Amino acid sequence: MFIGEMRAWGVPALRISLGIVFLWFGLLKVFGVSPVADLVTEVYLFLPRDFFLMILGIWEAIIGIGLLFKITLRLMLALLWLQMAGTFFALVLSPTMFFTNGNLLLLTIEGEFVIKNIVLITASIVIGGYEVKSKS
């Protein structure tokens, strides 16, 4: 019985929790109170700080709302993966910020922040596999 309930509610709960995370993090950026604002703008120095944070925040909030209310999941997942690609691109742009002494196995706090996104990506893959209708 319990396993059946987990099977029935696990993926929707995963989608909703991922939606909450994206909405929350996005709104923090939109309202200018994100604790990662400095990190984001240090990596992407070539982009205008306030504009970039606002666009990123809106982008994340849209993903969150789409996941929460199951709106165009296929598009929301694509936006999520693009956003995640941007976070991993940070590892290439500023490796010294994310790895101690250039060692790829020794993460800094910022490195842990980025690498944990592997879990978010995996969650989105599970959601896509179970909740997006196939076009076949």
Protein backbone atom coordinates (compact mmCIF):
# COMPACT_ATOMS: atom_id res chain seq x y z
CA MET A 1 0.00 0.00 0.00
CA PHE A 2 2.69 2.51 1.00
CA ILE A 3 4.78 1.68 -2.07
CA GLY A 4 1.72 2.21 -4.26
CA GLU A 5 1.18 5.65 -2.73
CA MET A 6 4.81 6.55 -3.31
CA ARG A 7 4.48 5.42 -6.93
CA ALA A 8 1.30 7.47 -7.38
CA TRP A 9 2.54 10.65 -5.71
CA GLY A 10 6.33 10.55 -6.10
CA VAL A 11 6.70 12.16 -9.51
CA PRO A 12 4.01 14.82 -8.98
CA ALA A 13 5.65 15.66 -5.63
CA LEU A 14 9.03 15.88 -7.36
CA ARG A 15 7.57 18.22 -10.01
CA ILE A 16 5.93 20.44 -7.40
CA SER A 17 9.04 20.61 -5.20
CA LEU A 18 11.23 21.44 -8.20
CA GLY A 19 8.70 24.11 -9.19
CA ILE A 20 8.84 25.62 -5.71
CA VAL A 21 12.64 25.73 -5.79
CA PHE A 22 12.73 27.46 -9.19
CA LEU A 23 9.96 29.91 -8.32
CA TRP A 24 11.56 30.78 -4.98
CA PHE A 25 15.08 31.22 -6.37
CA GLY A 26 13.74 33.21 -9.30
CA LEU A 27 11.73 35.57 -7.11
CA LEU A 28 14.76 36.18 -4.89
CA LYS A 29 16.60 37.42 -7.98
CA VAL A 30 13.65 39.48 -9.23
CA PHE A 31 13.34 41.26 -5.86
CA GLY A 32 17.10 41.80 -5.60
CA VAL A 33 17.64 39.70 -2.48
CA SER A 34 19.27 36.58 -3.90
CA PRO A 35 22.26 35.36 -1.90
CA VAL A 36 23.88 34.17 -5.13
CA ALA A 37 23.65 37.50 -6.97
CA ASP A 38 27.35 38.26 -6.44
CA LEU A 39 28.37 34.77 -7.52
CA VAL A 40 26.30 34.97 -10.69
CA THR A 41 27.57 38.40 -11.63
CA GLU A 42 31.22 37.55 -10.82
CA VAL A 43 31.09 34.69 -13.30
CA TYR A 44 29.20 36.60 -15.98
CA LEU A 45 31.08 39.91 -15.70
CA PHE A 46 30.44 40.64 -19.37
CA LEU A 47 26.66 40.95 -18.79
CA PRO A 48 24.94 43.95 -17.17
CA ARG A 49 24.37 42.90 -13.54
CA ASP A 50 20.86 44.15 -12.74
CA PHE A 51 19.41 43.34 -16.16
CA PHE A 52 20.93 39.84 -16.20
CA LEU A 53 19.72 39.02 -12.67
CA MET A 54 16.22 40.26 -13.50
CA ILE A 55 16.03 38.19 -16.72
CA LEU A 56 17.46 35.13 -14.95
CA GLY A 57 15.01 35.57 -12.08
CA ILE A 58 12.02 35.91 -14.40
CA TRP A 59 13.24 32.89 -16.39
CA GLU A 60 13.50 30.77 -13.21
CA ALA A 61 10.12 31.99 -11.91
CA ILE A 62 8.46 31.06 -15.21
CA ILE A 63 10.00 27.58 -14.99
CA GLY A 64 8.74 27.29 -11.42
CA ILE A 65 5.20 28.33 -12.29
CA GLY A 66 5.15 26.01 -15.30
CA LEU A 67 6.27 23.08 -13.18
CA LEU A 68 3.89 23.85 -10.32
CA PHE A 69 0.83 24.11 -12.52
CA LYS A 70 1.95 21.61 -15.18
CA ILE A 71 1.85 24.25 -17.92
CA THR A 72 3.67 23.36 -21.17
CA LEU A 73 5.98 20.95 -19.36
CA ARG A 74 7.99 20.20 -22.49
CA LEU A 75 8.87 23.90 -22.86
CA MET A 76 9.50 24.35 -19.12
CA LEU A 77 11.93 21.45 -19.10
CA ALA A 78 13.75 22.85 -22.12
CA LEU A 79 14.06 26.23 -20.34
CA LEU A 80 15.26 24.45 -17.20
CA TRP A 81 17.95 22.56 -19.12
CA LEU A 82 19.13 25.76 -20.82
CA GLN A 83 19.35 27.47 -17.44
CA MET A 84 21.25 24.50 -16.01
CA ALA A 85 23.65 24.57 -18.97
CA GLY A 86 24.39 28.16 -17.99
CA THR A 87 25.24 27.15 -14.45
CA PHE A 88 27.64 24.47 -15.67
CA PHE A 89 29.18 26.90 -18.17
CA ALA A 90 30.22 28.88 -15.09
CA LEU A 91 32.64 26.05 -14.27
CA VAL A 92 34.40 26.74 -17.57
CA LEU A 93 34.33 30.53 -17.25
CA SER A 94 35.67 30.69 -13.67
CA PRO A 95 37.15 27.33 -12.65
CA THR A 96 39.19 28.81 -9.79
CA MET A 97 35.96 29.93 -8.14
CA PHE A 98 34.58 26.38 -8.10
CA PHE A 99 37.60 24.09 -7.64
CA THR A 100 40.29 24.31 -4.95
CA ASN A 101 43.81 24.60 -6.38
CA GLY A 102 42.54 23.53 -9.81
CA ASN A 103 41.69 20.05 -8.51
CA LEU A 104 38.39 18.92 -10.07
CA LEU A 105 37.70 16.68 -7.06
CA LEU A 106 38.05 19.47 -4.48
CA LEU A 107 35.00 21.68 -4.68
CA THR A 108 34.65 25.08 -3.09
CA ILE A 109 31.33 26.09 -1.52
CA GLU A 110 30.44 27.67 -4.86
CA GLY A 111 31.45 24.44 -6.61
CA GLU A 112 29.12 22.42 -4.42
CA PHE A 113 26.35 24.90 -5.21
CA VAL A 114 26.78 24.24 -8.94
CA ILE A 115 27.40 20.48 -8.80
CA LYS A 116 24.21 19.86 -6.79
CA ASN A 117 22.38 20.93 -9.93
CA ILE A 118 23.01 17.40 -11.23
CA VAL A 119 20.17 16.36 -8.89
CA LEU A 120 17.87 19.07 -10.30
CA ILE A 121 18.63 17.96 -13.85
CA THR A 122 17.98 14.33 -12.96
CA ALA A 123 14.70 15.29 -11.29
CA SER A 124 13.65 17.11 -14.44
CA ILE A 125 14.48 14.04 -16.53
CA VAL A 126 12.27 11.88 -14.30
CA ILE A 127 9.45 14.44 -14.54
CA GLY A 128 9.79 14.57 -18.30
CA GLY A 129 9.79 10.79 -18.57
CA TYR A 130 6.65 10.36 -16.51
CA GLU A 131 4.57 13.49 -16.98
CA VAL A 132 5.19 14.73 -20.52
CA LYS A 133 2.92 13.16 -23.11
CA SER A 134 4.71 11.36 -25.93
CA LYS A 135 4.07 12.60 -29.48
CA SER A 136 4.22 9.09 -30.95
